[in-house]
Amino acid sequence: MSTGENIKTLPGDGYVRLSYSPDGTTLASGSGSKIHLFDVSTGMPLRTLSGGHACNIMSIAFSPDGRTIATGNSNSTIFLFDVSDVSTGTHIKTLTGHWGYVESVLFSPDGNTLASRGSGLGGIRLWDVSTRTHIRTLTDTFSFKSMSFSPDGNTITGGGGDGTIFLWDVSTGENIRTLSAGHWSRDVESIAFSPDGNTLASGGGGWEQTIHLWDVSTGENIKILTGHTGDVYSVAFSPDGTTLASESRDGTILLWELNPTQTADVNNDGVVNITDLTLVASNFGAKGANPADVNGDGVVNTKDFLIVAVAFENADADAAPTLWRLNTDEILTRENVEKWLNAARQPNLTDPHFQRGIQVLENLLKVLTPKATALLPNYPNPFNPETWIPYQLAKPAEVTLRIYTANGKVVRKLAIGQQPAGMYQEKNRAAYWDGKNAQGEPVSSGVYFYSITAGDFSATRKMLIRK
C-alpha cells in the first residue's frame, strides 16, 4: 500500500470474488463453482472446496472468527463451509429462499448474523448463523444494489436501485432512516460505514458516477466526491477512517483524503500545531467525551497523539526547534515525549499512519534533546528582584547552581538535583533565584555571577541586579 508495488501474483485465472481471512493469512477466491484457498505469505494454493456447487459463485465472505466461509451463488442458494481446519474444509449447510442470484453475502461484526442480498426484488435476508435459519427479509419496491453493517453490528444499510439508502435496526428490522436526496441518477452501487460508524459513503451508478458522504446520526449529505467516469462499484474506508478508496467501472481506484487535519485540530483554530499536541498530552488518560480524543474511541491515548503528530508532520523537524522551544511547557518535555514514544512502540502497530506518527515523535525527541550541555543567559537581565536561569542537558546529570558576588563570595546555592536530559528554559523548568542570600535577605544592586555544575560540565555567566 505504501509503494504501490506488486508484491505477489497468485497462480491460475478466472477469480472473480475474493475475501481475506480475519487474520490475513488465507485468501479465499471464487472461480466458477469452486472456492480456492491460498496461503497469503507464500501465494501457494492450500485447498479447493467444491461442496456440490452446480452454479457460479457470485459472492464470498469469511466469518469474523475465520471458521466459516459463506458463498452466494447463481442458483439462488447460499453455501456455508467449515474452514476451521483448511486442510479438510467441509460443506455444512445450504440456505435457500432468494429468488435470483445471491450477489452479496456479509457477516455482522460479531459473526452472529449473516446478511445476503439477492438480485431483482429478492431483498436483503438476515440469517441466524448459530441456528442457520432465516430471521427476516428487508425489502423495497426497487432492487438493492449494495449493503453494509455498521461497526457495532446494530444497523444494516441497503442501497436501492432508485437512488435511495435505507438504514434498519438489525435486532427488530425497523427502518431507522431513509436517505433519498442524494443519488439523483439511479443505482446506489456501493455503500460502506466509516470505522467509527459516524459516516456513510455511497457510490452511484448510471450518469451520476459520484460518491456521497452522509452523517449517519442526522441523515445529512455532508459532501459529494467527483472524479470517476463510470459506475462506482465499491467503496471502502481505511481502518483509521482518514482515507476512502473507491473502485469504478472506468478501470481506476481512487484514494480520497478525508480531512485528517480537521480531526487533529483539537482546539479548532484552523491549524494543527504544537498546541494540539500539548492538548492531547495534557488530557492523556481522560475518558469520555473530550476534544483531545481525536479518533473517538472513548479515551485519550497514544493513538490520538500519533494522529495529531502525523498531521503536524509537515513542520520541518530541522527548521522548527525555535517554534517548539518557545511553546514547550511542562507537558511537552523530553521525558514525556520519550514516555509516549516508548508507549507507542509497545503495541507494535504496523499501520503506516501510526508508524509515521512514531517517526514524528522521534523527530520531536531529537529537537527536545540538546546536542550539548549549556548554561544560558538569565532573564530578565538586569532584574529586580527575581530572575530565571535557563540551561540545557545533553545527558542526565546532578545539577547545582551557585550565585557569586563580583569578588567571588558565594551568595546562594541552588541544589536542583538529578535532572534528565532536556531543555530547561521556560519559567516552570528553569532555575529560579529570588534575589536573596542564604539567610533570606535581599542582596544589594550590582554585578553577580552564576555558575552551573552538571556532572563533569561547568560554566559561568554574569548578571546584573538594578534597584
Protein backbone atom coordinates (compact mmCIF):
# COMPACT_ATOMS: atom_id res chain seq x y z
CA MET A 1 0.00 0.00 0.00
CA SER A 2 2.84 2.42 0.76
CA THR A 3 4.64 1.97 -2.59
CA GLY A 4 2.03 0.56 -4.97
CA GLU A 5 4.47 -2.26 -5.83
CA ASN A 6 3.00 -5.60 -6.94
CA ILE A 7 4.38 -7.99 -4.31
CA LYS A 8 2.79 -11.26 -5.40
CA THR A 9 0.69 -12.81 -8.18
CA LEU A 10 -1.36 -15.90 -7.37
CA PRO A 11 -1.38 -18.79 -9.87
CA GLY A 12 -4.42 -19.52 -12.04
CA ASP A 13 -7.10 -17.28 -13.54
CA GLY A 14 -10.80 -16.60 -13.52
CA TYR A 15 -11.00 -15.49 -9.87
CA VAL A 16 -13.97 -13.18 -9.66
CA ARG A 17 -14.67 -12.93 -5.91
CA LEU A 18 -12.14 -12.53 -3.08
CA SER A 19 -12.17 -12.49 0.72
CA TYR A 20 -9.34 -12.42 3.29
CA SER A 21 -9.50 -14.41 6.49
CA PRO A 22 -9.68 -12.09 9.54
CA ASP A 23 -6.05 -12.85 10.49
CA GLY A 24 -4.88 -12.09 6.95
CA THR A 25 -3.17 -15.46 6.45
CA THR A 26 -5.64 -17.01 3.99
CA LEU A 27 -7.25 -15.67 0.83
CA ALA A 28 -10.45 -17.27 -0.45
CA SER A 29 -11.43 -16.87 -4.08
CA GLY A 30 -14.45 -17.96 -6.06
CA SER A 31 -13.90 -19.27 -9.56
CA GLY A 32 -16.82 -20.87 -11.36
CA SER A 33 -18.30 -23.35 -8.90
CA LYS A 34 -15.17 -23.77 -6.76
CA ILE A 35 -13.55 -21.98 -3.82
CA HIS A 36 -9.77 -21.75 -3.85
CA LEU A 37 -7.86 -21.10 -0.61
CA PHE A 38 -4.37 -19.57 -0.82
CA ASP A 39 -1.60 -19.07 1.75
CA VAL A 40 -1.06 -15.30 1.68
CA SER A 41 2.59 -15.45 2.82
CA THR A 42 3.67 -17.88 0.10
CA GLY A 43 0.96 -17.39 -2.53
CA MET A 44 0.59 -21.17 -2.81
CA PRO A 45 -2.79 -22.97 -3.01
CA LEU A 46 -3.95 -24.61 0.23
CA ARG A 47 -7.18 -26.33 -0.79
CA THR A 48 -10.07 -26.26 -3.25
CA LEU A 49 -13.66 -26.54 -1.95
CA SER A 50 -16.49 -27.61 -4.22
CA GLY A 51 -19.33 -28.73 -1.97
CA GLY A 52 -21.59 -29.75 -4.83
CA HIS A 53 -21.95 -26.30 -6.41
CA ALA A 54 -23.91 -26.55 -9.60
CA CYS A 55 -23.61 -22.82 -10.16
CA ASN A 56 -21.29 -19.86 -10.36
CA ILE A 57 -20.08 -18.20 -7.15
CA MET A 58 -21.33 -14.60 -7.11
CA SER A 59 -20.05 -13.56 -3.66
CA ILE A 60 -17.85 -14.88 -0.84
CA ALA A 61 -17.15 -13.91 2.80
CA PHE A 62 -15.19 -15.15 5.83
CA SER A 63 -16.87 -15.06 9.25
CA PRO A 64 -15.16 -12.75 11.81
CA ASP A 65 -13.73 -15.75 13.68
CA GLY A 66 -12.32 -17.18 10.44
CA ARG A 67 -14.02 -20.55 10.94
CA THR A 68 -16.78 -20.26 8.30
CA ILE A 69 -16.95 -19.24 4.65
CA ALA A 70 -20.26 -18.24 3.06
CA THR A 71 -20.82 -18.06 -0.68
CA GLY A 72 -23.71 -16.56 -2.62
CA ASN A 73 -24.47 -18.43 -5.79
CA SER A 74 -26.12 -18.03 -9.17
CA ASN A 75 -28.74 -20.72 -8.35
CA SER A 76 -30.33 -18.62 -5.54
CA THR A 77 -28.54 -20.51 -2.75
CA ILE A 78 -26.02 -19.76 -0.04
CA PHE A 79 -23.40 -22.37 0.89
CA LEU A 80 -21.70 -22.47 4.29
CA PHE A 81 -18.31 -24.16 4.72
CA ASP A 82 -16.47 -25.09 7.91
CA VAL A 83 -12.85 -23.96 7.36
CA SER A 84 -11.66 -24.15 10.98
CA ASP A 85 -9.27 -26.71 9.51
CA VAL A 86 -8.38 -25.59 5.98
CA SER A 87 -6.90 -28.99 5.25
CA THR A 88 -10.40 -30.51 5.33
CA GLY A 89 -12.94 -27.72 4.74
CA THR A 90 -16.42 -29.27 4.67
CA HIS A 91 -19.77 -28.09 3.32
CA ILE A 92 -22.08 -27.77 6.33
CA LYS A 93 -25.30 -26.10 5.15
CA THR A 94 -27.23 -24.77 2.16
CA LEU A 95 -29.53 -21.79 2.75
CA THR A 96 -32.40 -21.20 0.34
CA GLY A 97 -35.03 -18.51 -0.11
CA HIS A 98 -33.74 -15.96 -2.63
CA TRP A 99 -35.43 -15.61 -5.99
CA GLY A 100 -32.37 -14.91 -8.13
CA TYR A 101 -28.58 -14.58 -7.97
CA VAL A 102 -27.21 -14.07 -4.44
CA GLU A 103 -25.00 -11.16 -5.35
CA SER A 104 -23.57 -10.40 -1.90
CA VAL A 105 -23.06 -12.13 1.46
CA LEU A 106 -21.84 -10.34 4.56
CA PHE A 107 -21.29 -11.36 8.20
CA SER A 108 -22.11 -8.93 11.00
CA PRO A 109 -19.06 -7.75 13.04
CA ASP A 110 -19.91 -10.15 15.90
CA GLY A 111 -20.46 -13.05 13.46
CA ASN A 112 -23.94 -13.82 14.79
CA THR A 113 -25.83 -12.65 11.71
CA LEU A 114 -25.34 -13.28 8.01
CA ALA A 115 -26.85 -10.84 5.52
CA SER A 116 -27.43 -11.82 1.90
CA ARG A 117 -28.56 -9.66 -0.99
CA GLY A 118 -30.36 -11.14 -3.96
CA SER A 119 -30.84 -9.81 -7.44
CA GLY A 120 -34.14 -8.34 -8.53
CA LEU A 121 -36.70 -7.82 -5.77
CA GLY A 122 -35.30 -10.56 -3.53
CA GLY A 123 -34.42 -8.01 -0.85
CA ILE A 124 -31.85 -8.41 1.93
CA ARG A 125 -32.27 -11.56 4.02
CA LEU A 126 -30.89 -11.90 7.56
CA TRP A 127 -29.84 -15.32 8.87
CA ASP A 128 -29.02 -16.58 12.37
CA VAL A 129 -25.54 -18.06 11.98
CA SER A 130 -25.71 -20.36 15.02
CA THR A 131 -29.01 -21.99 14.02
CA ARG A 132 -28.55 -21.37 10.25
CA THR A 133 -32.16 -20.21 9.98
CA HIS A 134 -33.81 -17.25 8.29
CA ILE A 135 -34.66 -14.35 10.64
CA ARG A 136 -36.33 -11.75 8.39
CA THR A 137 -36.27 -10.14 4.97
CA LEU A 138 -35.78 -6.41 4.34
CA THR A 139 -37.47 -5.28 1.13
CA ASP A 140 -38.12 -2.24 -1.04
CA THR A 141 -40.05 -1.58 -4.23
CA PHE A 142 -36.71 -1.45 -6.08
CA SER A 143 -33.88 -3.98 -6.05
CA PHE A 144 -30.96 -3.47 -3.66
CA LYS A 145 -27.54 -2.92 -5.21
CA SER A 146 -25.41 -2.75 -2.04
CA MET A 147 -25.41 -3.32 1.72
CA SER A 148 -23.19 -2.78 4.77
CA PHE A 149 -23.21 -3.43 8.54
CA SER A 150 -22.33 -0.63 10.97
CA PRO A 151 -19.15 -1.31 13.00
CA ASP A 152 -21.20 -2.13 16.12
CA GLY A 153 -23.41 -4.51 14.12
CA ASN A 154 -26.63 -2.83 15.30
CA THR A 155 -27.51 -1.26 11.95
CA ILE A 156 -27.57 -2.55 8.40
CA THR A 157 -27.93 -0.30 5.39
CA GLY A 158 -29.05 -1.09 1.86
CA GLY A 159 -28.68 0.99 -1.29
CA GLY A 160 -31.62 0.82 -3.68
CA GLY A 161 -31.91 0.81 -7.43
CA ASP A 162 -33.88 4.07 -7.20
CA GLY A 163 -31.03 6.02 -5.54
CA THR A 164 -32.49 5.58 -2.03
CA ILE A 165 -30.50 4.39 1.02
CA PHE A 166 -32.25 2.60 3.90
CA LEU A 167 -30.98 2.06 7.44
CA TRP A 168 -32.55 -0.71 9.56
CA ASP A 169 -32.23 -1.85 13.17
CA VAL A 170 -30.77 -5.37 12.87
CA SER A 171 -32.50 -6.71 16.00
CA THR A 172 -36.00 -5.53 15.05
CA GLY A 173 -35.92 -4.91 11.30
CA GLU A 174 -37.33 -1.40 11.94
CA ASN A 175 -36.50 1.26 9.35
CA ILE A 176 -34.44 3.84 11.28
CA ARG A 177 -33.82 6.35 8.49
CA THR A 178 -34.21 6.75 4.74
CA LEU A 179 -31.76 8.85 2.72
CA SER A 180 -33.37 9.87 -0.55
CA ALA A 181 -31.96 13.27 -1.53
CA GLY A 182 -28.56 12.16 -2.75
CA HIS A 183 -28.14 9.93 -5.79
CA TRP A 184 -30.40 11.55 -8.37
CA SER A 185 -29.45 9.25 -11.25
CA ARG A 186 -30.43 5.71 -10.21
CA ASP A 187 -28.42 2.92 -8.54
CA VAL A 188 -26.53 3.07 -5.24
CA GLU A 189 -23.90 0.60 -6.43
CA SER A 190 -21.79 0.53 -3.26
CA ILE A 191 -22.01 1.56 0.38
CA ALA A 192 -19.76 1.44 3.47
CA PHE A 193 -19.67 2.69 7.07
CA SER A 194 -16.64 4.54 8.41
CA PRO A 195 -14.77 2.72 11.24
CA ASP A 196 -16.35 4.99 13.88
CA GLY A 197 -19.83 4.43 12.43
CA ASN A 198 -20.48 8.18 12.10
CA THR A 199 -20.16 8.47 8.32
CA LEU A 200 -21.65 6.53 5.44
CA ALA A 201 -20.10 6.51 1.96
CA SER A 202 -22.19 5.57 -1.08
CA GLY A 203 -21.12 5.17 -4.70
CA GLY A 204 -23.50 5.98 -7.55
CA GLY A 205 -24.07 4.47 -10.96
CA GLY A 206 -25.76 5.50 -14.17
CA TRP A 207 -24.95 9.06 -15.28
CA GLU A 208 -24.03 10.29 -11.82
CA GLN A 209 -20.78 8.38 -11.03
CA THR A 210 -20.21 10.24 -7.75
CA ILE A 211 -19.56 9.32 -4.11
CA HIS A 212 -21.71 10.78 -1.35
CA LEU A 213 -20.68 11.12 2.30
CA TRP A 214 -23.53 11.08 4.85
CA ASP A 215 -23.82 11.94 8.54
CA VAL A 216 -25.38 8.77 9.96
CA SER A 217 -26.94 10.47 13.02
CA THR A 218 -28.70 13.25 11.09
CA GLY A 219 -29.01 11.85 7.56
CA GLU A 220 -27.33 14.99 6.20
CA ASN A 221 -25.45 14.72 2.90
CA ILE A 222 -22.05 16.06 4.03
CA LYS A 223 -20.06 16.01 0.80
CA ILE A 224 -20.09 14.82 -2.81
CA LEU A 225 -16.85 13.47 -4.30
CA THR A 226 -16.42 13.62 -8.09
CA GLY A 227 -13.67 12.15 -10.24
CA HIS A 228 -14.82 8.78 -11.61
CA THR A 229 -16.19 8.48 -15.15
CA GLY A 230 -18.02 5.19 -14.58
CA ASP A 231 -20.25 3.46 -12.04
CA VAL A 232 -18.65 3.36 -8.56
CA TYR A 233 -18.82 -0.36 -7.81
CA SER A 234 -17.01 -0.42 -4.47
CA VAL A 235 -16.12 1.95 -1.60
CA ALA A 236 -14.04 1.16 1.49
CA PHE A 237 -12.65 3.17 4.41
CA SER A 238 -9.11 2.69 5.73
CA PRO A 239 -9.02 1.32 9.32
CA ASP A 240 -8.16 4.78 10.73
CA GLY A 241 -11.01 6.40 8.78
CA THR A 242 -8.83 9.07 7.14
CA THR A 243 -8.82 7.58 3.64
CA LEU A 244 -11.62 6.34 1.37
CA ALA A 245 -10.89 4.03 -1.57
CA SER A 246 -13.31 3.80 -4.50
CA GLU A 247 -13.28 1.40 -7.45
CA SER A 248 -15.09 2.17 -10.67
CA ARG A 249 -16.16 0.73 -13.98
CA ASP A 250 -13.79 3.28 -15.54
CA GLY A 251 -10.90 0.99 -14.53
CA THR A 252 -9.48 3.16 -11.76
CA ILE A 253 -9.16 3.00 -7.97
CA LEU A 254 -9.15 6.46 -6.40
CA LEU A 255 -7.92 7.26 -2.88
CA TRP A 256 -9.60 10.20 -1.14
CA GLU A 257 -8.11 12.06 1.84
CA LEU A 258 -10.93 12.73 4.31
CA ASN A 259 -9.53 15.81 6.08
CA PRO A 260 -7.33 14.11 8.71
CA THR A 261 -6.11 17.51 9.89
CA GLN A 262 -9.66 18.52 10.75
CA THR A 263 -9.95 15.88 13.49
CA ALA A 264 -6.37 16.57 14.58
CA ASP A 265 -7.15 20.27 15.09
CA VAL A 266 -8.04 19.73 18.74
CA ASN A 267 -8.67 23.39 19.61
CA ASN A 268 -10.44 24.15 16.29
CA ASP A 269 -8.27 27.14 15.46
CA GLY A 270 -7.88 26.04 11.83
CA VAL A 271 -4.32 24.75 12.10
CA VAL A 272 -2.66 21.67 13.57
CA ASN A 273 0.33 22.79 15.61
CA ILE A 274 2.23 22.32 18.84
CA THR A 275 -0.80 23.46 20.84
CA ASP A 276 -2.84 20.49 19.61
CA LEU A 277 -0.04 18.09 20.56
CA THR A 278 0.09 19.64 24.01
CA LEU A 279 -3.69 19.45 24.47
CA VAL A 280 -3.65 15.72 23.72
CA ALA A 281 -0.71 15.27 26.07
CA SER A 282 -2.33 17.22 28.90
CA ASN A 283 -5.51 15.11 28.62
CA PHE A 284 -3.69 11.77 28.48
CA GLY A 285 -5.79 9.03 30.05
CA ALA A 286 -9.01 11.07 30.11
CA LYS A 287 -12.13 9.04 29.29
CA GLY A 288 -15.47 10.02 27.83
CA ALA A 289 -16.28 12.95 25.54
CA ASN A 290 -13.12 15.00 25.05
CA PRO A 291 -11.87 17.10 22.08
CA ALA A 292 -8.44 15.50 22.56
CA ASP A 293 -9.93 12.05 21.80
CA VAL A 294 -9.40 12.62 18.08
CA ASN A 295 -10.10 9.03 16.99
CA GLY A 296 -13.31 8.83 19.04
CA ASP A 297 -12.50 5.58 20.87
CA GLY A 298 -13.53 6.99 24.26
CA VAL A 299 -10.08 7.55 25.75
CA VAL A 300 -7.23 9.98 25.12
CA ASN A 301 -4.20 7.77 24.49
CA THR A 302 -1.08 7.27 22.38
CA LYS A 303 -3.08 6.74 19.18
CA ASP A 304 -4.60 10.22 19.49
CA PHE A 305 -1.15 11.72 19.95
CA LEU A 306 0.14 9.87 16.88
CA ILE A 307 -2.77 11.06 14.73
CA VAL A 308 -2.08 14.69 15.68
CA ALA A 309 1.65 14.12 15.25
CA VAL A 310 1.13 12.88 11.68
CA ALA A 311 -0.97 15.97 10.84
CA PHE A 312 1.81 18.10 12.35
CA GLU A 313 4.43 16.26 10.29
CA ASN A 314 4.58 18.99 7.65
CA ALA A 315 6.59 21.09 10.08
CA ASP A 316 10.28 20.59 9.26
CA ALA A 317 11.92 18.95 12.26
CA ASP A 318 15.22 20.66 11.50
CA ALA A 319 13.73 24.10 10.97
CA ALA A 320 11.26 24.07 13.84
CA PRO A 321 13.32 23.90 17.09
CA THR A 322 12.68 27.57 17.85
CA LEU A 323 8.92 27.15 17.48
CA TRP A 324 8.91 24.05 19.65
CA ARG A 325 11.12 25.57 22.31
CA LEU A 326 9.12 28.76 22.54
CA ASN A 327 5.85 26.88 23.01
CA THR A 328 7.02 23.96 25.15
CA ASP A 329 5.67 23.85 28.69
CA GLU A 330 5.73 21.30 31.48
CA ILE A 331 3.60 18.92 29.38
CA LEU A 332 5.69 18.78 26.20
CA THR A 333 9.03 17.81 27.74
CA ARG A 334 11.70 15.45 26.53
CA GLU A 335 10.90 12.93 29.26
CA ASN A 336 7.18 13.00 28.41
CA VAL A 337 7.83 12.60 24.67
CA GLU A 338 10.21 9.74 25.45
CA LYS A 339 7.49 8.14 27.59
CA TRP A 340 4.89 8.50 24.81
CA LEU A 341 7.35 7.13 22.27
CA ASN A 342 8.01 4.05 24.39
CA ALA A 343 4.27 3.57 24.85
CA ALA A 344 3.69 3.95 21.09
CA ARG A 345 6.26 1.24 20.34
CA GLN A 346 4.80 -1.28 22.78
CA PRO A 347 1.73 -2.41 20.74
CA ASN A 348 3.98 -2.91 17.68
CA LEU A 349 1.50 -1.05 15.47
CA THR A 350 2.24 -1.79 11.79
CA ASP A 351 -0.28 0.63 10.31
CA PRO A 352 1.78 3.12 8.18
CA HIS A 353 -0.20 6.02 9.66
CA PHE A 354 0.94 5.17 13.19
CA GLN A 355 4.48 4.39 12.04
CA ARG A 356 4.67 7.91 10.62
CA GLY A 357 3.40 9.22 13.94
CA ILE A 358 6.20 7.38 15.72
CA GLN A 359 8.70 8.99 13.35
CA VAL A 360 7.29 12.41 14.24
CA LEU A 361 7.72 11.63 17.93
CA GLU A 362 11.30 10.55 17.24
CA ASN A 363 11.96 13.85 15.44
CA LEU A 364 10.38 15.78 18.27
CA LEU A 365 12.52 13.90 20.79
CA LYS A 366 15.63 14.88 18.82
CA VAL A 367 14.60 18.53 18.88
CA LEU A 368 13.98 18.38 22.62
CA THR A 369 17.34 16.66 23.26
CA PRO A 370 20.22 19.19 23.22
CA LYS A 371 23.40 18.22 21.42
CA ALA A 372 25.45 19.83 24.18
CA THR A 373 25.02 20.80 27.84
CA ALA A 374 24.95 24.59 28.25
CA LEU A 375 24.26 27.41 30.68
CA LEU A 376 22.07 30.04 29.04
CA PRO A 377 21.55 33.79 29.69
CA ASN A 378 19.27 34.54 32.62
CA TYR A 379 16.10 36.56 32.12
CA PRO A 380 15.22 39.26 32.78
CA ASN A 381 18.67 40.84 32.96
CA PRO A 382 19.04 43.38 34.53
CA PHE A 383 16.41 42.30 37.05
CA ASN A 384 14.72 43.29 40.27
CA PRO A 385 14.04 41.36 42.42
CA GLU A 386 13.87 37.92 40.70
CA THR A 387 15.30 36.10 37.69
CA TRP A 388 15.19 32.74 35.93
CA ILE A 389 18.35 30.86 34.91
CA PRO A 390 17.82 28.51 31.91
CA TYR A 391 20.08 25.63 30.95
CA GLN A 392 20.07 22.50 28.83
CA LEU A 393 21.39 18.99 29.43
CA ALA A 394 22.62 16.66 26.72
CA LYS A 395 22.50 13.78 29.22
CA PRO A 396 21.11 13.20 32.74
CA ALA A 397 23.13 14.93 35.48
CA GLU A 398 23.13 16.17 39.07
CA VAL A 399 22.61 19.92 38.71
CA THR A 400 23.83 22.62 41.14
CA LEU A 401 23.75 26.40 40.61
CA ARG A 402 25.73 28.92 42.68
CA ILE A 403 25.40 32.70 42.81
CA TYR A 404 28.60 34.72 43.47
CA THR A 405 29.36 38.34 44.22
CA ALA A 406 31.82 40.18 41.98
CA ASN A 407 34.66 39.34 44.42
CA GLY A 408 33.86 35.59 44.34
CA LYS A 409 31.88 35.13 47.56
CA VAL A 410 29.06 32.56 47.40
CA VAL A 411 25.71 34.29 47.97
CA ARG A 412 23.31 31.42 47.30
CA LYS A 413 23.47 27.74 46.37
CA LEU A 414 20.59 26.23 44.38
CA ALA A 415 20.66 22.44 44.59
CA ILE A 416 18.45 21.41 41.64
CA GLY A 417 19.18 17.69 41.97
CA GLN A 418 19.24 14.88 39.42
CA GLN A 419 17.69 16.02 36.12
CA PRO A 420 17.07 14.09 32.88
CA ALA A 421 18.42 15.31 29.55
CA GLY A 422 16.34 18.08 28.03
CA MET A 423 15.58 21.78 27.78
CA TYR A 424 15.10 23.82 30.96
CA GLN A 425 14.27 27.21 29.51
CA GLU A 426 10.70 28.17 30.44
CA LYS A 427 9.89 29.66 33.83
CA ASN A 428 8.32 26.44 35.06
CA ARG A 429 11.52 24.48 34.29
CA ALA A 430 14.43 26.91 34.55
CA ALA A 431 16.27 27.51 37.84
CA TYR A 432 14.75 30.38 39.85
CA TRP A 433 16.52 32.93 42.07
CA ASP A 434 14.50 35.33 44.17
CA GLY A 435 17.40 37.77 44.65
CA LYS A 436 18.01 36.72 48.26
CA ASN A 437 21.03 35.25 50.03
CA ALA A 438 21.16 32.04 52.04
CA GLN A 439 19.73 33.86 55.08
CA GLY A 440 16.70 35.08 53.10
CA GLU A 441 17.88 38.70 52.90
CA PRO A 442 17.62 40.67 49.63
CA VAL A 443 21.03 41.30 48.11
CA SER A 444 22.16 44.73 47.02
CA SER A 445 22.39 46.11 43.49
CA GLY A 446 25.42 45.26 41.42
CA VAL A 447 27.14 42.68 39.24
CA TYR A 448 26.82 38.99 40.17
CA PHE A 449 27.99 35.76 38.59
CA TYR A 450 26.11 32.46 38.37
CA SER A 451 27.72 29.09 37.65
CA ILE A 452 26.38 25.62 36.92
CA THR A 453 27.81 22.21 37.70
CA ALA A 454 26.20 19.31 35.83
CA GLY A 455 28.22 16.13 36.03
CA ASP A 456 31.62 16.96 34.58
CA PHE A 457 30.31 20.15 32.95
CA SER A 458 30.65 23.63 34.46
CA ALA A 459 30.14 27.16 33.14
CA THR A 460 29.75 30.72 34.48
CA ARG A 461 27.81 33.78 33.32
CA LYS A 462 27.29 37.36 34.52
CA MET A 463 24.06 39.07 35.58
CA LEU A 464 23.03 42.46 36.99
CA ILE A 465 20.64 43.43 39.79
CA ARG A 466 19.39 47.02 39.42
CA LYS A 467 17.20 48.52 42.15
